[in-house]
Amino acid sequence: MQKPARERILDAAHELMRTIGLARTTTKEIAKAAGCSEAALYKHFASKEELFVSVLKERLPQLAPLIHRLAEDPGGRTVEENLVEITHAAALFYEQSFPIAGSLYAETRLRRRHVAALREMGTGPHMPIMGLDEYLRAEQRAGRIAPEADTFAAASLLLGACAQRAFAYDEDGPQPPPPVQGFATALVRALLQGIAPESSRGRP
């Protein structure tokens, strides 16, 4: 049984954006790959940018909902456990989204248009940093992060390292990215040496 049109469009968009990049992917090509008309595509998605955001939300590892949930309720786990889960999701998210969005950075005009469209939708690449900062501030209020810690800087460092892992290594090359679980654990422990309460620093 054939999938609904919206699902076929998302599948086609994901595959094309992953293989040839967002900048080179057109709605005409997406519609053709999905087996529908451009008019049918626009019944489900107002623009290529909206389709891009939907691909990120529905076809890639979910980062924003996880961060939001932990900011609302950090739960009974340790800060390290929560941050490792976030870092694991972030590393996979950037690993899969970088090939999609990376082509935008080669075309300044197109990137500006894309960023403006995302801003109008109330989203953008800064959102995970803002969400992680919110989570860290919640932990800071709970006394599980040092009161003097710069939570925004910590969020930027953590997610920046995850994005760099996607940028700096080649999955099929001589230097593949470090395994995500070990990477997440080591990164979080290094970060916590700087932002954990002094009484807990140095603990495994």
N, C-alpha and C. Protein backbone atom coordinates (compact mmCIF):
# COMPACT_ATOMS: atom_id res chain seq x y z
N MET A 1 0.84 -1.20 0.00
CA MET A 1 0.00 0.00 0.00
C MET A 1 0.88 1.25 0.00
N GLN A 2 0.56 2.19 -0.88
CA GLN A 2 1.36 3.41 -1.00
C GLN A 2 1.19 4.31 0.22
N LYS A 3 2.28 4.93 0.62
CA LYS A 3 2.23 5.87 1.74
C LYS A 3 1.41 7.09 1.36
N PRO A 4 0.85 7.80 2.37
CA PRO A 4 0.18 9.08 2.08
C PRO A 4 1.15 10.06 1.43
N ALA A 5 0.60 11.01 0.68
CA ALA A 5 1.43 11.95 -0.08
C ALA A 5 2.40 12.71 0.81
N ARG A 6 1.95 13.14 1.97
CA ARG A 6 2.83 13.92 2.85
C ARG A 6 4.05 13.11 3.26
N GLU A 7 3.86 11.83 3.58
CA GLU A 7 4.98 10.98 3.98
C GLU A 7 5.93 10.74 2.82
N ARG A 8 5.38 10.56 1.61
CA ARG A 8 6.24 10.38 0.43
C ARG A 8 7.06 11.63 0.15
N ILE A 9 6.45 12.78 0.34
CA ILE A 9 7.16 14.05 0.12
C ILE A 9 8.29 14.21 1.13
N LEU A 10 8.01 13.90 2.38
CA LEU A 10 9.06 13.99 3.41
C LEU A 10 10.20 13.01 3.13
N ASP A 11 9.86 11.80 2.73
CA ASP A 11 10.89 10.81 2.41
C ASP A 11 11.76 11.28 1.25
N ALA A 12 11.11 11.79 0.22
CA ALA A 12 11.84 12.25 -0.96
C ALA A 12 12.71 13.46 -0.63
N ALA A 13 12.16 14.39 0.14
CA ALA A 13 12.92 15.58 0.52
C ALA A 13 14.13 15.20 1.36
N HIS A 14 13.93 14.30 2.30
CA HIS A 14 15.03 13.86 3.15
C HIS A 14 16.15 13.25 2.31
N GLU A 15 15.80 12.37 1.40
CA GLU A 15 16.80 11.69 0.59
C GLU A 15 17.54 12.67 -0.32
N LEU A 16 16.82 13.57 -0.96
CA LEU A 16 17.45 14.53 -1.87
C LEU A 16 18.32 15.53 -1.10
N MET A 17 17.80 16.03 0.01
CA MET A 17 18.58 16.99 0.80
C MET A 17 19.83 16.33 1.36
N ARG A 18 19.73 15.05 1.71
CA ARG A 18 20.88 14.33 2.26
C ARG A 18 21.94 14.06 1.21
N THR A 19 21.51 13.79 -0.01
CA THR A 19 22.46 13.39 -1.03
C THR A 19 23.02 14.55 -1.86
N ILE A 20 22.20 15.57 -2.15
CA ILE A 20 22.70 16.68 -2.98
C ILE A 20 22.69 18.02 -2.25
N GLY A 21 22.17 18.05 -1.02
CA GLY A 21 22.18 19.28 -0.23
C GLY A 21 20.92 20.10 -0.40
N LEU A 22 20.65 20.91 0.60
CA LEU A 22 19.45 21.73 0.61
C LEU A 22 19.47 22.76 -0.51
N ALA A 23 20.62 23.37 -0.75
CA ALA A 23 20.70 24.45 -1.74
C ALA A 23 20.32 23.97 -3.14
N ARG A 24 20.70 22.74 -3.48
CA ARG A 24 20.48 22.24 -4.84
C ARG A 24 19.15 21.51 -4.99
N THR A 25 18.49 21.23 -3.90
CA THR A 25 17.21 20.51 -3.96
C THR A 25 16.08 21.47 -4.26
N THR A 26 15.29 21.18 -5.26
CA THR A 26 14.15 22.02 -5.62
C THR A 26 12.85 21.31 -5.28
N THR A 27 11.80 22.09 -5.13
CA THR A 27 10.49 21.49 -4.86
C THR A 27 10.02 20.65 -6.06
N LYS A 28 10.44 21.04 -7.25
CA LYS A 28 10.06 20.27 -8.44
C LYS A 28 10.68 18.88 -8.38
N GLU A 29 11.97 18.80 -7.99
CA GLU A 29 12.63 17.50 -7.88
C GLU A 29 12.02 16.67 -6.77
N ILE A 30 11.68 17.31 -5.66
CA ILE A 30 11.08 16.59 -4.54
C ILE A 30 9.74 15.99 -4.96
N ALA A 31 8.91 16.81 -5.62
CA ALA A 31 7.60 16.33 -6.06
C ALA A 31 7.74 15.16 -7.03
N LYS A 32 8.69 15.27 -7.96
CA LYS A 32 8.90 14.19 -8.92
C LYS A 32 9.30 12.90 -8.21
N ALA A 33 10.24 13.01 -7.25
CA ALA A 33 10.69 11.82 -6.52
C ALA A 33 9.58 11.24 -5.66
N ALA A 34 8.67 12.09 -5.20
CA ALA A 34 7.56 11.62 -4.35
C ALA A 34 6.39 11.10 -5.16
N GLY A 35 6.43 11.29 -6.48
CA GLY A 35 5.35 10.81 -7.34
C GLY A 35 4.11 11.67 -7.25
N CYS A 36 4.31 12.99 -7.13
CA CYS A 36 3.17 13.89 -7.07
C CYS A 36 3.53 15.18 -7.78
N SER A 37 2.58 16.08 -7.88
CA SER A 37 2.82 17.37 -8.52
C SER A 37 3.35 18.38 -7.50
N GLU A 38 3.95 19.47 -8.03
CA GLU A 38 4.36 20.54 -7.12
C GLU A 38 3.16 21.14 -6.40
N ALA A 39 2.04 21.21 -7.09
CA ALA A 39 0.82 21.74 -6.47
C ALA A 39 0.43 20.90 -5.27
N ALA A 40 0.55 19.58 -5.40
CA ALA A 40 0.23 18.70 -4.28
C ALA A 40 1.21 18.90 -3.13
N LEU A 41 2.49 19.13 -3.47
CA LEU A 41 3.49 19.39 -2.43
C LEU A 41 3.12 20.62 -1.62
N TYR A 42 2.71 21.68 -2.34
CA TYR A 42 2.40 22.94 -1.65
C TYR A 42 1.09 22.88 -0.87
N LYS A 43 0.31 21.84 -1.06
CA LYS A 43 -0.87 21.65 -0.21
C LYS A 43 -0.46 21.24 1.20
N HIS A 44 0.72 20.63 1.32
CA HIS A 44 1.20 20.14 2.61
C HIS A 44 2.26 21.05 3.23
N PHE A 45 3.03 21.73 2.39
CA PHE A 45 4.14 22.55 2.88
C PHE A 45 4.15 23.88 2.14
N ALA A 46 4.19 24.97 2.89
CA ALA A 46 4.09 26.30 2.29
C ALA A 46 5.34 26.70 1.53
N SER A 47 6.49 26.12 1.87
CA SER A 47 7.76 26.52 1.25
C SER A 47 8.77 25.40 1.43
N LYS A 48 9.89 25.53 0.72
CA LYS A 48 10.97 24.56 0.89
C LYS A 48 11.53 24.64 2.31
N GLU A 49 11.56 25.85 2.88
CA GLU A 49 12.05 26.00 4.25
C GLU A 49 11.17 25.26 5.25
N GLU A 50 9.86 25.35 5.05
CA GLU A 50 8.95 24.63 5.95
C GLU A 50 9.14 23.12 5.79
N LEU A 51 9.38 22.69 4.59
CA LEU A 51 9.63 21.28 4.34
C LEU A 51 10.94 20.84 4.99
N PHE A 52 11.96 21.70 4.92
CA PHE A 52 13.24 21.44 5.57
C PHE A 52 13.06 21.26 7.07
N VAL A 53 12.31 22.17 7.70
CA VAL A 53 12.07 22.08 9.14
C VAL A 53 11.32 20.80 9.47
N SER A 54 10.38 20.42 8.63
CA SER A 54 9.63 19.18 8.87
C SER A 54 10.52 17.96 8.74
N VAL A 55 11.47 17.98 7.81
CA VAL A 55 12.43 16.88 7.68
C VAL A 55 13.26 16.78 8.95
N LEU A 56 13.73 17.93 9.46
CA LEU A 56 14.52 17.92 10.69
C LEU A 56 13.72 17.35 11.85
N LYS A 57 12.46 17.72 11.94
CA LYS A 57 11.63 17.30 13.07
C LYS A 57 11.15 15.86 12.97
N GLU A 58 10.95 15.38 11.74
CA GLU A 58 10.28 14.09 11.57
C GLU A 58 11.16 12.99 10.99
N ARG A 59 12.34 13.34 10.53
CA ARG A 59 13.20 12.33 9.91
C ARG A 59 14.57 12.23 10.57
N LEU A 60 14.92 13.14 11.45
CA LEU A 60 16.22 13.13 12.10
C LEU A 60 16.07 12.87 13.59
N PRO A 61 17.15 12.44 14.25
CA PRO A 61 17.09 12.25 15.71
C PRO A 61 16.59 13.53 16.39
N GLN A 62 15.70 13.36 17.34
CA GLN A 62 15.06 14.52 17.95
C GLN A 62 15.88 15.09 19.10
N LEU A 63 16.21 16.36 18.98
CA LEU A 63 17.03 17.05 19.97
C LEU A 63 16.20 18.05 20.78
N ALA A 64 15.48 18.94 20.09
CA ALA A 64 14.74 20.00 20.79
C ALA A 64 13.70 19.46 21.79
N PRO A 65 12.88 18.46 21.42
CA PRO A 65 11.91 17.96 22.40
C PRO A 65 12.57 17.36 23.64
N LEU A 66 13.70 16.68 23.46
CA LEU A 66 14.43 16.10 24.59
C LEU A 66 14.92 17.20 25.53
N ILE A 67 15.54 18.24 24.97
CA ILE A 67 16.05 19.33 25.79
C ILE A 67 14.90 20.02 26.52
N HIS A 68 13.81 20.26 25.81
CA HIS A 68 12.66 20.93 26.43
C HIS A 68 12.11 20.10 27.58
N ARG A 69 12.00 18.78 27.37
CA ARG A 69 11.47 17.91 28.42
C ARG A 69 12.35 17.95 29.67
N LEU A 70 13.66 17.91 29.47
CA LEU A 70 14.57 17.92 30.61
C LEU A 70 14.60 19.28 31.30
N ALA A 71 14.40 20.35 30.52
CA ALA A 71 14.33 21.68 31.14
C ALA A 71 13.10 21.80 32.03
N GLU A 72 12.00 21.19 31.59
CA GLU A 72 10.76 21.22 32.37
C GLU A 72 10.86 20.33 33.60
N ASP A 73 11.51 19.18 33.44
CA ASP A 73 11.62 18.23 34.54
C ASP A 73 12.92 17.44 34.40
N PRO A 74 14.01 17.88 35.05
CA PRO A 74 15.29 17.16 34.95
C PRO A 74 15.22 15.71 35.41
N GLY A 75 14.21 15.37 36.18
CA GLY A 75 14.03 13.98 36.60
C GLY A 75 14.96 13.57 37.71
N GLY A 76 14.96 12.27 38.01
CA GLY A 76 15.76 11.76 39.12
C GLY A 76 17.16 11.37 38.75
N ARG A 77 17.57 11.59 37.52
CA ARG A 77 18.90 11.20 37.10
C ARG A 77 19.91 12.31 37.40
N THR A 78 21.18 11.99 37.26
CA THR A 78 22.22 12.98 37.50
C THR A 78 22.32 13.94 36.32
N VAL A 79 22.96 15.08 36.55
CA VAL A 79 23.21 16.03 35.47
C VAL A 79 24.03 15.35 34.37
N GLU A 80 25.02 14.57 34.77
CA GLU A 80 25.85 13.88 33.78
C GLU A 80 25.02 12.97 32.91
N GLU A 81 24.13 12.20 33.49
CA GLU A 81 23.29 11.29 32.71
C GLU A 81 22.41 12.04 31.73
N ASN A 82 21.81 13.14 32.21
CA ASN A 82 20.96 13.94 31.32
C ASN A 82 21.77 14.55 30.18
N LEU A 83 22.94 15.10 30.50
CA LEU A 83 23.76 15.73 29.47
C LEU A 83 24.31 14.72 28.48
N VAL A 84 24.62 13.52 28.93
CA VAL A 84 25.08 12.48 28.00
C VAL A 84 23.96 12.14 27.01
N GLU A 85 22.74 12.05 27.51
CA GLU A 85 21.62 11.76 26.61
C GLU A 85 21.44 12.88 25.59
N ILE A 86 21.52 14.13 26.06
CA ILE A 86 21.40 15.27 25.16
C ILE A 86 22.53 15.27 24.14
N THR A 87 23.76 15.04 24.60
CA THR A 87 24.92 15.06 23.71
C THR A 87 24.84 13.95 22.68
N HIS A 88 24.40 12.79 23.09
CA HIS A 88 24.23 11.66 22.17
C HIS A 88 23.25 12.04 21.06
N ALA A 89 22.10 12.61 21.44
CA ALA A 89 21.10 13.02 20.45
C ALA A 89 21.63 14.14 19.57
N ALA A 90 22.34 15.09 20.17
CA ALA A 90 22.87 16.23 19.41
C ALA A 90 23.91 15.77 18.39
N ALA A 91 24.80 14.86 18.79
CA ALA A 91 25.82 14.38 17.88
C ALA A 91 25.20 13.70 16.66
N LEU A 92 24.17 12.89 16.88
CA LEU A 92 23.50 12.23 15.77
C LEU A 92 22.71 13.22 14.92
N PHE A 93 22.09 14.21 15.59
CA PHE A 93 21.32 15.23 14.86
C PHE A 93 22.23 16.01 13.91
N TYR A 94 23.35 16.50 14.42
CA TYR A 94 24.26 17.28 13.57
C TYR A 94 24.92 16.40 12.51
N GLU A 95 25.21 15.16 12.85
CA GLU A 95 25.81 14.23 11.89
C GLU A 95 24.90 14.06 10.68
N GLN A 96 23.60 14.00 10.93
CA GLN A 96 22.66 13.78 9.83
C GLN A 96 22.18 15.07 9.18
N SER A 97 22.19 16.18 9.92
CA SER A 97 21.70 17.44 9.35
C SER A 97 22.79 18.21 8.62
N PHE A 98 24.06 18.00 8.99
CA PHE A 98 25.12 18.77 8.36
C PHE A 98 25.19 18.55 6.85
N PRO A 99 25.11 17.30 6.35
CA PRO A 99 25.13 17.13 4.89
C PRO A 99 23.95 17.80 4.20
N ILE A 100 22.83 17.96 4.92
CA ILE A 100 21.65 18.57 4.34
C ILE A 100 21.83 20.09 4.22
N ALA A 101 22.25 20.72 5.30
CA ALA A 101 22.31 22.18 5.35
C ALA A 101 23.65 22.76 4.93
N GLY A 102 24.70 21.92 4.88
CA GLY A 102 26.03 22.42 4.63
C GLY A 102 26.16 23.17 3.31
N SER A 103 25.41 22.76 2.28
CA SER A 103 25.53 23.42 0.98
C SER A 103 25.09 24.87 1.01
N LEU A 104 24.26 25.24 1.98
CA LEU A 104 23.80 26.63 2.08
C LEU A 104 24.95 27.60 2.29
N TYR A 105 25.98 27.15 2.99
CA TYR A 105 27.07 28.05 3.35
C TYR A 105 27.94 28.41 2.17
N ALA A 106 27.74 27.75 1.04
CA ALA A 106 28.47 28.10 -0.17
C ALA A 106 27.78 29.19 -0.97
N GLU A 107 26.53 29.49 -0.60
CA GLU A 107 25.76 30.50 -1.33
C GLU A 107 25.17 31.49 -0.33
N THR A 108 25.85 32.62 -0.17
CA THR A 108 25.48 33.60 0.85
C THR A 108 24.06 34.10 0.69
N ARG A 109 23.66 34.43 -0.52
CA ARG A 109 22.31 34.98 -0.75
C ARG A 109 21.25 33.96 -0.37
N LEU A 110 21.46 32.73 -0.79
CA LEU A 110 20.50 31.68 -0.48
C LEU A 110 20.43 31.42 1.02
N ARG A 111 21.58 31.43 1.68
CA ARG A 111 21.61 31.22 3.12
C ARG A 111 20.85 32.32 3.84
N ARG A 112 21.01 33.58 3.42
CA ARG A 112 20.29 34.68 4.05
C ARG A 112 18.79 34.52 3.90
N ARG A 113 18.37 34.12 2.70
CA ARG A 113 16.94 33.91 2.48
C ARG A 113 16.42 32.78 3.35
N HIS A 114 17.19 31.72 3.43
CA HIS A 114 16.79 30.57 4.24
C HIS A 114 16.70 30.95 5.72
N VAL A 115 17.70 31.66 6.24
CA VAL A 115 17.70 32.07 7.65
C VAL A 115 16.52 33.00 7.93
N ALA A 116 16.23 33.91 7.00
CA ALA A 116 15.09 34.81 7.18
C ALA A 116 13.78 34.04 7.24
N ALA A 117 13.65 33.02 6.39
CA ALA A 117 12.43 32.21 6.38
C ALA A 117 12.28 31.43 7.69
N LEU A 118 13.39 30.88 8.19
CA LEU A 118 13.33 30.16 9.47
C LEU A 118 12.96 31.11 10.61
N ARG A 119 13.50 32.34 10.56
CA ARG A 119 13.19 33.32 11.60
C ARG A 119 11.69 33.63 11.63
N GLU A 120 11.11 33.73 10.45
CA GLU A 120 9.67 33.99 10.37
C GLU A 120 8.86 32.85 10.97
N MET A 121 9.40 31.63 10.88
CA MET A 121 8.71 30.47 11.46
C MET A 121 9.03 30.29 12.94
N GLY A 122 9.85 31.19 13.48
CA GLY A 122 10.19 31.11 14.91
C GLY A 122 11.17 30.02 15.25
N THR A 123 12.02 29.66 14.32
CA THR A 123 12.99 28.61 14.58
C THR A 123 14.33 28.99 13.97
N GLY A 124 15.31 28.12 14.10
CA GLY A 124 16.63 28.39 13.56
C GLY A 124 17.68 27.58 14.29
N PRO A 125 18.92 27.58 13.80
CA PRO A 125 19.97 26.76 14.40
C PRO A 125 20.37 27.17 15.80
N HIS A 126 19.94 28.36 16.23
CA HIS A 126 20.27 28.80 17.60
C HIS A 126 19.36 28.17 18.64
N MET A 127 18.25 27.61 18.22
CA MET A 127 17.25 27.14 19.18
C MET A 127 17.76 26.05 20.12
N PRO A 128 18.52 25.04 19.65
CA PRO A 128 19.04 24.05 20.59
C PRO A 128 19.93 24.66 21.67
N ILE A 129 20.73 25.67 21.30
CA ILE A 129 21.59 26.32 22.30
C ILE A 129 20.74 27.01 23.35
N MET A 130 19.72 27.72 22.91
CA MET A 130 18.83 28.41 23.86
C MET A 130 18.13 27.40 24.77
N GLY A 131 17.69 26.28 24.19
CA GLY A 131 17.02 25.26 24.98
C GLY A 131 17.95 24.62 25.99
N LEU A 132 19.18 24.31 25.58
CA LEU A 132 20.13 23.70 26.51
C LEU A 132 20.52 24.68 27.60
N ASP A 133 20.65 25.95 27.25
CA ASP A 133 20.91 26.97 28.26
C ASP A 133 19.79 26.99 29.29
N GLU A 134 18.56 26.87 28.84
CA GLU A 134 17.41 26.85 29.75
C GLU A 134 17.50 25.64 30.69
N TYR A 135 17.84 24.47 30.12
CA TYR A 135 17.98 23.28 30.96
C TYR A 135 19.08 23.47 32.01
N LEU A 136 20.23 23.99 31.59
CA LEU A 136 21.34 24.17 32.52
C LEU A 136 21.00 25.19 33.61
N ARG A 137 20.24 26.21 33.26
CA ARG A 137 19.83 27.18 34.28
C ARG A 137 18.87 26.54 35.29
N ALA A 138 18.02 25.61 34.81
CA ALA A 138 17.15 24.88 35.73
C ALA A 138 17.97 24.06 36.71
N GLU A 139 19.00 23.40 36.20
CA GLU A 139 19.89 22.63 37.07
C GLU A 139 20.67 23.56 38.02
N GLN A 140 21.00 24.72 37.55
CA GLN A 140 21.72 25.69 38.38
C GLN A 140 20.83 26.15 39.55
N ARG A 141 19.56 26.39 39.26
CA ARG A 141 18.63 26.78 40.33
C ARG A 141 18.44 25.66 41.34
N ALA A 142 18.57 24.42 40.87
CA ALA A 142 18.43 23.27 41.75
C ALA A 142 19.71 22.98 42.53
N GLY A 143 20.77 23.76 42.27
CA GLY A 143 22.02 23.59 43.00
C GLY A 143 22.91 22.49 42.47
N ARG A 144 22.58 21.97 41.26
CA ARG A 144 23.38 20.87 40.72
C ARG A 144 24.42 21.36 39.72
N ILE A 145 24.45 22.66 39.49
CA ILE A 145 25.48 23.31 38.68
C ILE A 145 25.94 24.54 39.44
N ALA A 146 27.22 24.83 39.37
CA ALA A 146 27.80 25.93 40.14
C ALA A 146 27.07 27.24 39.86
N PRO A 147 26.79 28.03 40.89
CA PRO A 147 26.03 29.28 40.70
C PRO A 147 26.75 30.28 39.81
N GLU A 148 28.07 30.22 39.76
CA GLU A 148 28.83 31.18 38.94
C GLU A 148 29.03 30.70 37.50
N ALA A 149 28.58 29.50 37.17
CA ALA A 149 28.80 28.94 35.84
C ALA A 149 28.05 29.74 34.78
N ASP A 150 28.68 29.93 33.65
CA ASP A 150 28.05 30.59 32.50
C ASP A 150 27.33 29.51 31.70
N THR A 151 26.03 29.39 31.90
CA THR A 151 25.28 28.29 31.28
C THR A 151 25.18 28.44 29.77
N PHE A 152 25.10 29.67 29.28
CA PHE A 152 25.04 29.86 27.83
C PHE A 152 26.34 29.42 27.18
N ALA A 153 27.46 29.79 27.79
CA ALA A 153 28.76 29.37 27.25
C ALA A 153 28.88 27.85 27.29
N ALA A 154 28.42 27.23 28.37
CA ALA A 154 28.49 25.77 28.48
C ALA A 154 27.65 25.10 27.40
N ALA A 155 26.43 25.64 27.17
CA ALA A 155 25.56 25.09 26.13
C ALA A 155 26.21 25.24 24.75
N SER A 156 26.83 26.39 24.52
CA SER A 156 27.48 26.64 23.23
C SER A 156 28.66 25.70 23.03
N LEU A 157 29.44 25.46 24.08
CA LEU A 157 30.58 24.55 23.99
C LEU A 157 30.12 23.13 23.68
N LEU A 158 29.11 22.68 24.39
CA LEU A 158 28.66 21.30 24.22
C LEU A 158 28.11 21.06 22.82
N LEU A 159 27.19 21.91 22.39
CA LEU A 159 26.59 21.70 21.07
C LEU A 159 27.56 22.06 19.95
N GLY A 160 28.44 23.03 20.21
CA GLY A 160 29.46 23.34 19.21
C GLY A 160 30.37 22.16 18.95
N ALA A 161 30.72 21.42 20.01
CA ALA A 161 31.56 20.24 19.84
C ALA A 161 30.82 19.16 19.05
N CYS A 162 29.53 19.04 19.26
CA CYS A 162 28.74 18.05 18.51
C CYS A 162 28.68 18.43 17.03
N ALA A 163 28.51 19.72 16.76
CA ALA A 163 28.49 20.17 15.37
C ALA A 163 29.86 19.98 14.72
N GLN A 164 30.92 20.24 15.48
CA GLN A 164 32.28 20.08 14.96
C GLN A 164 32.58 18.63 14.64
N ARG A 165 32.05 17.71 15.44
CA ARG A 165 32.23 16.28 15.16
C ARG A 165 31.66 15.94 13.78
N ALA A 166 30.51 16.54 13.43
CA ALA A 166 29.91 16.28 12.12
C ALA A 166 30.71 16.93 11.00
N PHE A 167 31.35 18.08 11.28
CA PHE A 167 32.07 18.82 10.27
C PHE A 167 33.48 18.28 10.02
N ALA A 168 34.15 17.87 11.08
CA ALA A 168 35.58 17.60 11.01
C ALA A 168 35.94 16.19 10.52
N TYR A 169 34.99 15.28 10.54
CA TYR A 169 35.30 13.89 10.21
C TYR A 169 34.49 13.41 9.02
N ASP A 170 34.97 12.38 8.39
CA ASP A 170 34.32 11.80 7.21
C ASP A 170 33.96 10.36 7.53
N GLU A 171 32.68 10.07 7.51
CA GLU A 171 32.20 8.73 7.86
C GLU A 171 32.85 7.65 7.01
N ASP A 172 33.12 7.96 5.74
CA ASP A 172 33.68 6.96 4.82
C ASP A 172 35.16 7.18 4.56
N GLY A 173 35.78 8.13 5.28
CA GLY A 173 37.18 8.45 5.03
C GLY A 173 38.12 7.80 6.02
N PRO A 174 39.39 8.20 5.98
CA PRO A 174 40.39 7.61 6.87
C PRO A 174 40.24 8.03 8.32
N GLN A 175 39.51 9.13 8.56
CA GLN A 175 39.29 9.62 9.92
C GLN A 175 37.79 9.70 10.20
N PRO A 176 37.14 8.57 10.49
CA PRO A 176 35.70 8.61 10.79
C PRO A 176 35.47 9.29 12.14
N PRO A 177 34.26 9.78 12.38
CA PRO A 177 33.99 10.45 13.66
C PRO A 177 34.12 9.48 14.83
N PRO A 178 34.52 9.98 16.00
CA PRO A 178 34.61 9.10 17.16
C PRO A 178 33.24 8.50 17.48
N PRO A 179 33.20 7.26 17.97
CA PRO A 179 31.91 6.63 18.31
C PRO A 179 31.09 7.52 19.23
N VAL A 180 29.80 7.64 18.92
CA VAL A 180 28.99 8.67 19.55
C VAL A 180 28.85 8.49 21.06
N GLN A 181 28.72 7.26 21.54
CA GLN A 181 28.50 7.08 22.97
C GLN A 181 29.74 7.48 23.77
N GLY A 182 30.90 7.00 23.37
CA GLY A 182 32.12 7.38 24.07
C GLY A 182 32.39 8.87 23.96
N PHE A 183 32.11 9.44 22.79
CA PHE A 183 32.28 10.87 22.57
C PHE A 183 31.39 11.65 23.53
N ALA A 184 30.12 11.26 23.64
CA ALA A 184 29.18 11.98 24.50
C ALA A 184 29.62 11.93 25.96
N THR A 185 30.00 10.78 26.43
CA THR A 185 30.39 10.63 27.83
C THR A 185 31.64 11.44 28.15
N ALA A 186 32.66 11.34 27.29
CA ALA A 186 33.91 12.06 27.53
C ALA A 186 33.70 13.57 27.47
N LEU A 187 32.90 14.02 26.52
CA LEU A 187 32.65 15.46 26.37
C LEU A 187 31.93 16.02 27.60
N VAL A 188 30.91 15.31 28.05
CA VAL A 188 30.14 15.79 29.20
C VAL A 188 31.01 15.82 30.45
N ARG A 189 31.81 14.80 30.66
CA ARG A 189 32.67 14.79 31.85
C ARG A 189 33.68 15.92 31.82
N ALA A 190 34.21 16.23 30.64
CA ALA A 190 35.14 17.36 30.53
C ALA A 190 34.43 18.67 30.84
N LEU A 191 33.21 18.83 30.33
CA LEU A 191 32.46 20.05 30.58
C LEU A 191 32.12 20.21 32.05
N LEU A 192 31.72 19.12 32.68
CA LEU A 192 31.31 19.20 34.08
C LEU A 192 32.46 19.55 35.01
N GLN A 193 33.68 19.33 34.60
CA GLN A 193 34.81 19.75 35.42
C GLN A 193 34.82 21.27 35.59
N GLY A 194 34.19 21.96 34.65
CA GLY A 194 34.17 23.41 34.72
C GLY A 194 32.91 23.99 35.34
N ILE A 195 31.76 23.28 35.24
CA ILE A 195 30.51 23.89 35.68
C ILE A 195 29.85 23.19 36.86
N ALA A 196 30.34 22.03 37.24
CA ALA A 196 29.74 21.33 38.39
C ALA A 196 30.05 22.08 39.68
N PRO A 197 29.21 21.94 40.71
CA PRO A 197 29.55 22.52 42.01
C PRO A 197 30.92 22.04 42.46
N GLU A 198 31.67 22.88 43.14
CA GLU A 198 33.04 22.55 43.50
C GLU A 198 33.13 21.26 44.31
N SER A 199 32.12 21.01 45.14
CA SER A 199 32.16 19.82 45.99
C SER A 199 32.09 18.52 45.21
N SER A 200 31.59 18.57 43.98
CA SER A 200 31.41 17.34 43.20
C SER A 200 32.43 17.20 42.08
N ARG A 201 33.31 18.15 41.90
CA ARG A 201 34.29 18.07 40.82
C ARG A 201 35.31 16.97 41.09
N GLY A 202 35.69 16.30 40.03
CA GLY A 202 36.66 15.23 40.15
C GLY A 202 36.03 13.87 40.39
N ARG A 203 34.71 13.86 40.66
CA ARG A 203 34.05 12.55 40.83
C ARG A 203 33.84 11.90 39.48
N PRO A 204 33.84 10.60 39.41
CA PRO A 204 33.61 9.90 38.13
C PRO A 204 32.15 10.05 37.71
